[in-house]
Amino acid sequence: MKILKKLGLLLLVVFIIAQFFGPEKNDGDIASVNAFFLDTTPPEDVKIILKNACLDCHSSHTRYPWYNNITPVNYWLADHIEHGTKHFNVSKWNDYSDKKKDHKLDELIEMVEAKEMPLPSYTWTHGDAKLSQEQIDAMVSWAKATRIKYTFLKDPQ
């Protein structure tokens, strides 16, 4: 029993010390998504969906929840954000070629239609990010219409 108490105390001390450390935050300027919005011209309903369900992990600006201040949760969130921005970062939209923009929108369509995005772990705590079928249809319709522009630009004929 003494060993369990010592082990518990040790774990508590480690947990408390860990709270003084954390990963780097993804706290860029929200204005970094403006180029994406200007170039893809989403309707207002889709823009709201993007802001609520996508941009925290797929841009250079994340709205952090209160529990991001708790280690190790903050590392878990940082890992999700790192993976999200690695695969699709709307803040770097102007850095993408037209071919890559078309491909990213194609991936967006695929992931949203398959209900793989947003991640369930994100929607657990962000109820407004859980997409209805109507929202999925709006996103897919917008992305398909936008892809036409990039398809033409990458292969004009």
N, C-alpha and C. Protein backbone atom coordinates (compact mmCIF):
# COMPACT_ATOMS: atom_id res chain seq x y z
N MET A 1 0.83 -1.20 0.00
CA MET A 1 0.00 0.00 0.00
C MET A 1 0.86 1.25 0.00
N LYS A 2 1.97 1.20 0.76
CA LYS A 2 2.88 2.34 0.81
C LYS A 2 3.45 2.65 -0.57
N ILE A 3 3.75 1.63 -1.32
CA ILE A 3 4.32 1.81 -2.66
C ILE A 3 3.30 2.49 -3.58
N LEU A 4 2.05 2.09 -3.49
CA LEU A 4 1.01 2.72 -4.31
C LEU A 4 0.85 4.20 -3.98
N LYS A 5 0.93 4.54 -2.69
CA LYS A 5 0.83 5.94 -2.30
C LYS A 5 2.01 6.74 -2.84
N LYS A 6 3.22 6.18 -2.75
CA LYS A 6 4.42 6.85 -3.26
C LYS A 6 4.35 7.00 -4.77
N LEU A 7 3.90 5.96 -5.43
CA LEU A 7 3.77 6.01 -6.88
C LEU A 7 2.72 7.05 -7.28
N GLY A 8 1.61 7.09 -6.59
CA GLY A 8 0.57 8.09 -6.86
C GLY A 8 1.07 9.51 -6.65
N LEU A 9 1.83 9.71 -5.56
CA LEU A 9 2.40 11.02 -5.27
C LEU A 9 3.41 11.41 -6.36
N LEU A 10 4.23 10.47 -6.77
CA LEU A 10 5.21 10.73 -7.83
C LEU A 10 4.49 11.12 -9.13
N LEU A 11 3.46 10.39 -9.49
CA LEU A 11 2.70 10.70 -10.71
C LEU A 11 2.05 12.08 -10.62
N LEU A 12 1.54 12.43 -9.45
CA LEU A 12 0.94 13.75 -9.24
C LEU A 12 1.98 14.85 -9.42
N VAL A 13 3.17 14.67 -8.86
CA VAL A 13 4.25 15.65 -8.99
C VAL A 13 4.65 15.80 -10.47
N VAL A 14 4.80 14.67 -11.15
CA VAL A 14 5.15 14.71 -12.58
C VAL A 14 4.06 15.43 -13.37
N PHE A 15 2.81 15.16 -13.08
CA PHE A 15 1.69 15.81 -13.76
C PHE A 15 1.72 17.32 -13.53
N ILE A 16 1.97 17.73 -12.30
CA ILE A 16 2.01 19.16 -11.98
C ILE A 16 3.17 19.84 -12.69
N ILE A 17 4.34 19.23 -12.67
CA ILE A 17 5.50 19.81 -13.36
C ILE A 17 5.25 19.89 -14.86
N ALA A 18 4.60 18.87 -15.43
CA ALA A 18 4.32 18.85 -16.87
C ALA A 18 3.45 20.03 -17.30
N GLN A 19 2.67 20.58 -16.39
CA GLN A 19 1.78 21.70 -16.74
C GLN A 19 2.56 22.95 -17.11
N PHE A 20 3.84 23.02 -16.76
CA PHE A 20 4.66 24.18 -17.09
C PHE A 20 5.27 24.07 -18.48
N PHE A 21 5.02 22.98 -19.15
CA PHE A 21 5.57 22.75 -20.49
C PHE A 21 4.42 22.47 -21.45
N GLY A 22 4.63 22.82 -22.69
CA GLY A 22 3.59 22.56 -23.69
C GLY A 22 4.14 22.77 -25.08
N PRO A 23 3.42 22.30 -26.06
CA PRO A 23 3.85 22.46 -27.44
C PRO A 23 3.66 23.89 -27.93
N GLU A 24 4.29 24.19 -29.04
CA GLU A 24 4.11 25.50 -29.66
C GLU A 24 2.67 25.61 -30.18
N LYS A 25 2.10 26.79 -30.01
CA LYS A 25 0.71 26.98 -30.45
C LYS A 25 0.64 27.41 -31.90
N ASN A 26 -0.44 27.06 -32.53
CA ASN A 26 -0.74 27.42 -33.91
C ASN A 26 -1.56 28.71 -33.87
N ASP A 27 -0.89 29.80 -33.53
CA ASP A 27 -1.63 31.04 -33.30
C ASP A 27 -1.32 32.13 -34.32
N GLY A 28 -1.27 31.74 -35.58
CA GLY A 28 -1.09 32.72 -36.64
C GLY A 28 -2.32 33.60 -36.78
N ASP A 29 -2.24 34.50 -37.71
CA ASP A 29 -3.32 35.46 -37.93
C ASP A 29 -4.46 34.82 -38.73
N ILE A 30 -5.68 35.03 -38.27
CA ILE A 30 -6.86 34.50 -38.96
C ILE A 30 -6.97 35.08 -40.37
N ALA A 31 -6.39 36.25 -40.58
CA ALA A 31 -6.42 36.87 -41.91
C ALA A 31 -5.69 36.02 -42.95
N SER A 32 -4.89 35.06 -42.49
CA SER A 32 -4.15 34.20 -43.42
C SER A 32 -5.07 33.33 -44.27
N VAL A 33 -6.34 33.20 -43.88
CA VAL A 33 -7.28 32.39 -44.66
C VAL A 33 -8.01 33.22 -45.72
N ASN A 34 -7.81 34.53 -45.70
CA ASN A 34 -8.53 35.40 -46.64
C ASN A 34 -8.24 35.07 -48.09
N ALA A 35 -7.00 34.74 -48.42
CA ALA A 35 -6.65 34.41 -49.80
C ALA A 35 -7.44 33.19 -50.28
N PHE A 36 -7.58 32.22 -49.38
CA PHE A 36 -8.36 31.02 -49.72
C PHE A 36 -9.81 31.39 -50.00
N PHE A 37 -10.39 32.20 -49.11
CA PHE A 37 -11.78 32.62 -49.30
C PHE A 37 -11.97 33.45 -50.56
N LEU A 38 -11.03 34.33 -50.85
CA LEU A 38 -11.13 35.16 -52.05
C LEU A 38 -11.00 34.32 -53.32
N ASP A 39 -10.11 33.34 -53.28
CA ASP A 39 -9.86 32.53 -54.46
C ASP A 39 -10.96 31.49 -54.71
N THR A 40 -11.53 30.95 -53.65
CA THR A 40 -12.52 29.87 -53.81
C THR A 40 -13.96 30.35 -53.68
N THR A 41 -14.15 31.56 -53.23
CA THR A 41 -15.46 32.20 -53.09
C THR A 41 -16.57 31.29 -52.56
N PRO A 42 -16.40 30.76 -51.35
CA PRO A 42 -17.47 29.92 -50.80
C PRO A 42 -18.68 30.78 -50.44
N PRO A 43 -19.88 30.26 -50.62
CA PRO A 43 -21.06 30.98 -50.15
C PRO A 43 -21.01 31.09 -48.63
N GLU A 44 -21.78 31.98 -48.08
CA GLU A 44 -21.71 32.27 -46.64
C GLU A 44 -21.94 31.03 -45.79
N ASP A 45 -22.88 30.16 -46.17
CA ASP A 45 -23.12 28.95 -45.37
C ASP A 45 -21.91 28.03 -45.36
N VAL A 46 -21.23 27.90 -46.49
CA VAL A 46 -20.03 27.06 -46.56
C VAL A 46 -18.88 27.71 -45.80
N LYS A 47 -18.79 29.02 -45.87
CA LYS A 47 -17.74 29.74 -45.13
C LYS A 47 -17.90 29.49 -43.63
N ILE A 48 -19.12 29.49 -43.16
CA ILE A 48 -19.38 29.22 -41.73
C ILE A 48 -19.00 27.79 -41.39
N ILE A 49 -19.33 26.86 -42.26
CA ILE A 49 -18.95 25.46 -42.03
C ILE A 49 -17.43 25.34 -41.96
N LEU A 50 -16.75 25.96 -42.90
CA LEU A 50 -15.29 25.91 -42.92
C LEU A 50 -14.71 26.49 -41.62
N LYS A 51 -15.25 27.61 -41.17
CA LYS A 51 -14.75 28.23 -39.94
C LYS A 51 -15.01 27.34 -38.72
N ASN A 52 -16.17 26.72 -38.67
CA ASN A 52 -16.54 25.92 -37.49
C ASN A 52 -15.95 24.52 -37.49
N ALA A 53 -15.75 23.95 -38.67
CA ALA A 53 -15.39 22.53 -38.73
C ALA A 53 -14.00 22.25 -39.30
N CYS A 54 -13.36 23.23 -39.93
CA CYS A 54 -12.13 22.92 -40.66
C CYS A 54 -10.91 23.75 -40.25
N LEU A 55 -11.11 25.03 -40.07
CA LEU A 55 -9.97 25.94 -39.97
C LEU A 55 -9.10 25.76 -38.73
N ASP A 56 -9.65 25.23 -37.64
CA ASP A 56 -8.82 25.04 -36.45
C ASP A 56 -7.64 24.10 -36.72
N CYS A 57 -7.84 23.12 -37.58
CA CYS A 57 -6.78 22.15 -37.88
C CYS A 57 -6.18 22.33 -39.27
N HIS A 58 -6.83 23.12 -40.11
CA HIS A 58 -6.36 23.25 -41.49
C HIS A 58 -6.04 24.68 -41.87
N SER A 59 -5.54 25.45 -40.91
CA SER A 59 -5.07 26.81 -41.19
C SER A 59 -3.96 27.13 -40.19
N SER A 60 -3.42 28.32 -40.31
CA SER A 60 -2.36 28.75 -39.39
C SER A 60 -2.91 29.43 -38.15
N HIS A 61 -4.21 29.32 -37.93
CA HIS A 61 -4.85 29.94 -36.77
C HIS A 61 -5.83 28.96 -36.14
N THR A 62 -5.59 28.64 -34.88
CA THR A 62 -6.45 27.70 -34.16
C THR A 62 -7.11 28.41 -32.99
N ARG A 63 -8.42 28.19 -32.85
CA ARG A 63 -9.14 28.66 -31.66
C ARG A 63 -9.02 27.54 -30.63
N TYR A 64 -8.24 27.78 -29.62
CA TYR A 64 -7.98 26.73 -28.64
C TYR A 64 -9.06 26.69 -27.56
N PRO A 65 -9.52 25.49 -27.22
CA PRO A 65 -10.47 25.35 -26.10
C PRO A 65 -9.72 25.46 -24.77
N TRP A 66 -10.46 25.64 -23.71
CA TRP A 66 -9.85 25.80 -22.38
C TRP A 66 -8.97 24.62 -22.00
N TYR A 67 -9.34 23.42 -22.41
CA TYR A 67 -8.60 22.23 -21.99
C TYR A 67 -7.27 22.07 -22.72
N ASN A 68 -6.98 23.00 -23.65
CA ASN A 68 -5.67 22.98 -24.28
C ASN A 68 -4.57 23.38 -23.29
N ASN A 69 -4.94 23.91 -22.15
CA ASN A 69 -3.96 24.31 -21.14
C ASN A 69 -3.53 23.15 -20.25
N ILE A 70 -4.09 21.97 -20.51
CA ILE A 70 -3.77 20.80 -19.69
C ILE A 70 -2.84 19.87 -20.46
N THR A 71 -1.68 19.63 -19.89
CA THR A 71 -0.77 18.65 -20.45
C THR A 71 -1.21 17.29 -19.92
N PRO A 72 -1.34 16.29 -20.70
CA PRO A 72 -0.87 16.03 -22.05
C PRO A 72 -1.89 16.30 -23.16
N VAL A 73 -3.06 16.81 -22.83
CA VAL A 73 -4.09 17.06 -23.84
C VAL A 73 -3.55 18.03 -24.90
N ASN A 74 -2.80 19.04 -24.47
CA ASN A 74 -2.30 20.02 -25.43
C ASN A 74 -1.36 19.39 -26.47
N TYR A 75 -0.61 18.37 -26.08
CA TYR A 75 0.24 17.68 -27.05
C TYR A 75 -0.59 16.88 -28.05
N TRP A 76 -1.65 16.29 -27.56
CA TRP A 76 -2.55 15.53 -28.43
C TRP A 76 -3.19 16.46 -29.46
N LEU A 77 -3.66 17.63 -29.01
CA LEU A 77 -4.25 18.61 -29.92
C LEU A 77 -3.21 19.12 -30.91
N ALA A 78 -2.02 19.40 -30.44
CA ALA A 78 -0.95 19.89 -31.32
C ALA A 78 -0.63 18.87 -32.42
N ASP A 79 -0.67 17.60 -32.06
CA ASP A 79 -0.42 16.55 -33.05
C ASP A 79 -1.51 16.54 -34.11
N HIS A 80 -2.76 16.68 -33.71
CA HIS A 80 -3.87 16.74 -34.67
C HIS A 80 -3.70 17.94 -35.61
N ILE A 81 -3.36 19.08 -35.04
CA ILE A 81 -3.21 20.29 -35.84
C ILE A 81 -2.03 20.15 -36.80
N GLU A 82 -0.94 19.59 -36.33
CA GLU A 82 0.23 19.40 -37.18
C GLU A 82 -0.11 18.51 -38.38
N HIS A 83 -0.81 17.41 -38.11
CA HIS A 83 -1.20 16.51 -39.20
C HIS A 83 -2.18 17.21 -40.14
N GLY A 84 -3.13 17.95 -39.58
CA GLY A 84 -4.11 18.64 -40.40
C GLY A 84 -3.49 19.65 -41.34
N THR A 85 -2.60 20.48 -40.81
CA THR A 85 -1.97 21.50 -41.65
C THR A 85 -0.97 20.89 -42.63
N LYS A 86 -0.44 19.75 -42.28
CA LYS A 86 0.49 19.07 -43.20
C LYS A 86 -0.26 18.59 -44.46
N HIS A 87 -1.47 18.11 -44.27
CA HIS A 87 -2.24 17.58 -45.39
C HIS A 87 -2.98 18.65 -46.17
N PHE A 88 -3.45 19.69 -45.48
CA PHE A 88 -4.24 20.73 -46.15
C PHE A 88 -4.21 21.97 -45.28
N ASN A 89 -3.57 23.03 -45.77
CA ASN A 89 -3.44 24.26 -45.00
C ASN A 89 -3.95 25.42 -45.85
N VAL A 90 -5.15 25.89 -45.55
CA VAL A 90 -5.73 26.97 -46.35
C VAL A 90 -4.94 28.27 -46.21
N SER A 91 -4.16 28.40 -45.15
CA SER A 91 -3.34 29.60 -44.99
C SER A 91 -2.19 29.63 -46.00
N LYS A 92 -1.89 28.51 -46.61
CA LYS A 92 -0.83 28.44 -47.62
C LYS A 92 -1.42 28.23 -49.02
N TRP A 93 -2.68 28.56 -49.16
CA TRP A 93 -3.39 28.33 -50.42
C TRP A 93 -2.67 28.95 -51.60
N ASN A 94 -2.15 30.16 -51.45
CA ASN A 94 -1.47 30.82 -52.57
C ASN A 94 -0.14 30.16 -52.92
N ASP A 95 0.40 29.33 -52.04
CA ASP A 95 1.64 28.62 -52.32
C ASP A 95 1.39 27.37 -53.17
N TYR A 96 0.13 26.93 -53.24
CA TYR A 96 -0.20 25.73 -54.00
C TYR A 96 -0.33 26.05 -55.49
N SER A 97 0.09 25.12 -56.33
CA SER A 97 -0.14 25.25 -57.76
C SER A 97 -1.63 24.99 -58.03
N ASP A 98 -2.09 25.36 -59.21
CA ASP A 98 -3.49 25.10 -59.55
C ASP A 98 -3.80 23.60 -59.52
N LYS A 99 -2.84 22.80 -59.95
CA LYS A 99 -3.01 21.35 -59.91
C LYS A 99 -3.17 20.86 -58.47
N LYS A 100 -2.35 21.41 -57.57
CA LYS A 100 -2.44 21.00 -56.16
C LYS A 100 -3.73 21.51 -55.53
N LYS A 101 -4.17 22.71 -55.89
CA LYS A 101 -5.44 23.23 -55.37
C LYS A 101 -6.58 22.31 -55.78
N ASP A 102 -6.58 21.90 -57.03
CA ASP A 102 -7.60 20.98 -57.52
C ASP A 102 -7.56 19.67 -56.74
N HIS A 103 -6.36 19.17 -56.52
CA HIS A 103 -6.20 17.91 -55.78
C HIS A 103 -6.68 18.06 -54.33
N LYS A 104 -6.36 19.16 -53.69
CA LYS A 104 -6.77 19.37 -52.30
C LYS A 104 -8.30 19.45 -52.19
N LEU A 105 -8.93 20.10 -53.15
CA LEU A 105 -10.40 20.15 -53.14
C LEU A 105 -10.99 18.78 -53.40
N ASP A 106 -10.35 18.00 -54.26
CA ASP A 106 -10.80 16.64 -54.51
C ASP A 106 -10.72 15.81 -53.23
N GLU A 107 -9.62 15.96 -52.49
CA GLU A 107 -9.47 15.26 -51.21
C GLU A 107 -10.52 15.73 -50.21
N LEU A 108 -10.79 17.03 -50.19
CA LEU A 108 -11.82 17.57 -49.30
C LEU A 108 -13.16 16.90 -49.60
N ILE A 109 -13.51 16.82 -50.85
CA ILE A 109 -14.77 16.18 -51.25
C ILE A 109 -14.81 14.74 -50.76
N GLU A 110 -13.73 14.02 -51.02
CA GLU A 110 -13.67 12.61 -50.63
C GLU A 110 -13.81 12.42 -49.12
N MET A 111 -13.09 13.23 -48.35
CA MET A 111 -13.10 13.08 -46.89
C MET A 111 -14.44 13.51 -46.27
N VAL A 112 -15.03 14.56 -46.80
CA VAL A 112 -16.30 15.04 -46.26
C VAL A 112 -17.42 14.08 -46.64
N GLU A 113 -17.44 13.62 -47.88
CA GLU A 113 -18.49 12.66 -48.30
C GLU A 113 -18.41 11.36 -47.50
N ALA A 114 -17.18 10.91 -47.21
CA ALA A 114 -17.00 9.67 -46.44
C ALA A 114 -17.20 9.90 -44.94
N LYS A 115 -17.47 11.14 -44.56
CA LYS A 115 -17.67 11.53 -43.16
C LYS A 115 -16.45 11.24 -42.30
N GLU A 116 -15.27 11.33 -42.94
CA GLU A 116 -14.01 11.15 -42.23
C GLU A 116 -13.51 12.48 -41.68
N MET A 117 -14.06 13.56 -42.19
CA MET A 117 -13.73 14.89 -41.71
C MET A 117 -15.02 15.63 -41.44
N PRO A 118 -15.07 16.42 -40.40
CA PRO A 118 -14.06 16.54 -39.36
C PRO A 118 -13.95 15.26 -38.53
N LEU A 119 -12.81 15.12 -37.91
CA LEU A 119 -12.56 13.92 -37.10
C LEU A 119 -13.57 13.80 -35.96
N PRO A 120 -13.98 12.60 -35.65
CA PRO A 120 -14.90 12.42 -34.52
C PRO A 120 -14.34 12.98 -33.22
N SER A 121 -13.03 12.87 -33.02
CA SER A 121 -12.43 13.40 -31.79
C SER A 121 -12.57 14.92 -31.72
N TYR A 122 -12.71 15.59 -32.85
CA TYR A 122 -12.92 17.04 -32.87
C TYR A 122 -14.39 17.36 -32.59
N THR A 123 -15.28 16.60 -33.18
CA THR A 123 -16.71 16.89 -33.02
C THR A 123 -17.23 16.54 -31.62
N TRP A 124 -16.50 15.69 -30.88
CA TRP A 124 -16.90 15.39 -29.50
C TRP A 124 -17.01 16.67 -28.68
N THR A 125 -16.06 17.57 -28.91
CA THR A 125 -16.02 18.79 -28.10
C THR A 125 -16.43 20.03 -28.88
N HIS A 126 -16.67 19.88 -30.16
CA HIS A 126 -17.11 20.99 -31.01
C HIS A 126 -18.39 20.55 -31.73
N GLY A 127 -19.48 20.59 -31.01
CA GLY A 127 -20.75 20.12 -31.56
C GLY A 127 -21.16 20.82 -32.84
N ASP A 128 -20.79 22.09 -32.99
CA ASP A 128 -21.15 22.84 -34.20
C ASP A 128 -20.33 22.39 -35.41
N ALA A 129 -19.33 21.56 -35.18
CA ALA A 129 -18.52 21.04 -36.29
C ALA A 129 -19.07 19.75 -36.86
N LYS A 130 -20.02 19.14 -36.18
CA LYS A 130 -20.63 17.91 -36.67
C LYS A 130 -21.53 18.28 -37.85
N LEU A 131 -21.22 17.74 -39.02
CA LEU A 131 -21.92 18.15 -40.23
C LEU A 131 -23.17 17.33 -40.49
N SER A 132 -24.23 18.04 -40.80
CA SER A 132 -25.47 17.39 -41.23
C SER A 132 -25.30 16.99 -42.70
N GLN A 133 -26.20 16.18 -43.20
CA GLN A 133 -26.12 15.79 -44.60
C GLN A 133 -26.29 17.03 -45.50
N GLU A 134 -27.12 17.95 -45.09
CA GLU A 134 -27.31 19.19 -45.85
C GLU A 134 -26.00 19.99 -45.93
N GLN A 135 -25.28 20.06 -44.83
CA GLN A 135 -23.99 20.77 -44.82
C GLN A 135 -22.95 20.04 -45.67
N ILE A 136 -22.95 18.72 -45.58
CA ILE A 136 -22.03 17.93 -46.41
C ILE A 136 -22.32 18.20 -47.88
N ASP A 137 -23.59 18.18 -48.25
CA ASP A 137 -23.97 18.43 -49.64
C ASP A 137 -23.54 19.82 -50.09
N ALA A 138 -23.70 20.81 -49.22
CA ALA A 138 -23.30 22.19 -49.56
C ALA A 138 -21.78 22.28 -49.76
N MET A 139 -21.03 21.64 -48.88
CA MET A 139 -19.56 21.64 -49.00
C MET A 139 -19.12 20.97 -50.29
N VAL A 140 -19.70 19.82 -50.56
CA VAL A 140 -19.31 19.05 -51.74
C VAL A 140 -19.69 19.81 -53.01
N SER A 141 -20.87 20.37 -53.03
CA SER A 141 -21.32 21.13 -54.20
C SER A 141 -20.38 22.31 -54.47
N TRP A 142 -20.05 23.06 -53.42
CA TRP A 142 -19.14 24.19 -53.57
C TRP A 142 -17.76 23.74 -54.05
N ALA A 143 -17.23 22.68 -53.44
CA ALA A 143 -15.89 22.21 -53.81
C ALA A 143 -15.85 21.69 -55.24
N LYS A 144 -16.89 21.00 -55.67
CA LYS A 144 -16.94 20.51 -57.06
C LYS A 144 -17.00 21.67 -58.03
N ALA A 145 -17.81 22.66 -57.73
CA ALA A 145 -17.92 23.83 -58.61
C ALA A 145 -16.59 24.59 -58.65
N THR A 146 -15.92 24.68 -57.53
CA THR A 146 -14.64 25.39 -57.47
C THR A 146 -13.55 24.63 -58.21
N ARG A 147 -13.59 23.33 -58.17
CA ARG A 147 -12.58 22.51 -58.87
C ARG A 147 -12.58 22.77 -60.37
N ILE A 148 -13.72 23.12 -60.92
CA ILE A 148 -13.79 23.39 -62.36
C ILE A 148 -12.79 24.47 -62.75
N LYS A 149 -12.70 25.49 -61.92
CA LYS A 149 -11.76 26.59 -62.15
C LYS A 149 -10.33 26.08 -62.23
N TYR A 150 -9.93 25.24 -61.29
CA TYR A 150 -8.55 24.77 -61.24
C TYR A 150 -8.28 23.72 -62.30
N THR A 151 -9.27 22.94 -62.64
CA THR A 151 -9.12 21.96 -63.71
C THR A 151 -8.83 22.68 -65.01
N PHE A 152 -9.55 23.76 -65.25
CA PHE A 152 -9.35 24.54 -66.47
C PHE A 152 -7.98 25.23 -66.45
N LEU A 153 -7.60 25.79 -65.31
CA LEU A 153 -6.34 26.51 -65.21
C LEU A 153 -5.14 25.60 -65.35
N LYS A 154 -5.25 24.37 -64.85
CA LYS A 154 -4.09 23.48 -64.92
C LYS A 154 -3.98 22.81 -66.30
N ASP A 155 -5.09 22.77 -67.04
CA ASP A 155 -5.08 22.11 -68.34
C ASP A 155 -6.01 22.85 -69.30
N PRO A 156 -5.67 24.11 -69.66
CA PRO A 156 -6.57 24.87 -70.55
C PRO A 156 -6.60 24.29 -71.96
N GLN A 157 -7.81 24.07 -72.47
CA GLN A 157 -7.93 23.56 -73.85
C GLN A 157 -9.22 24.03 -74.47
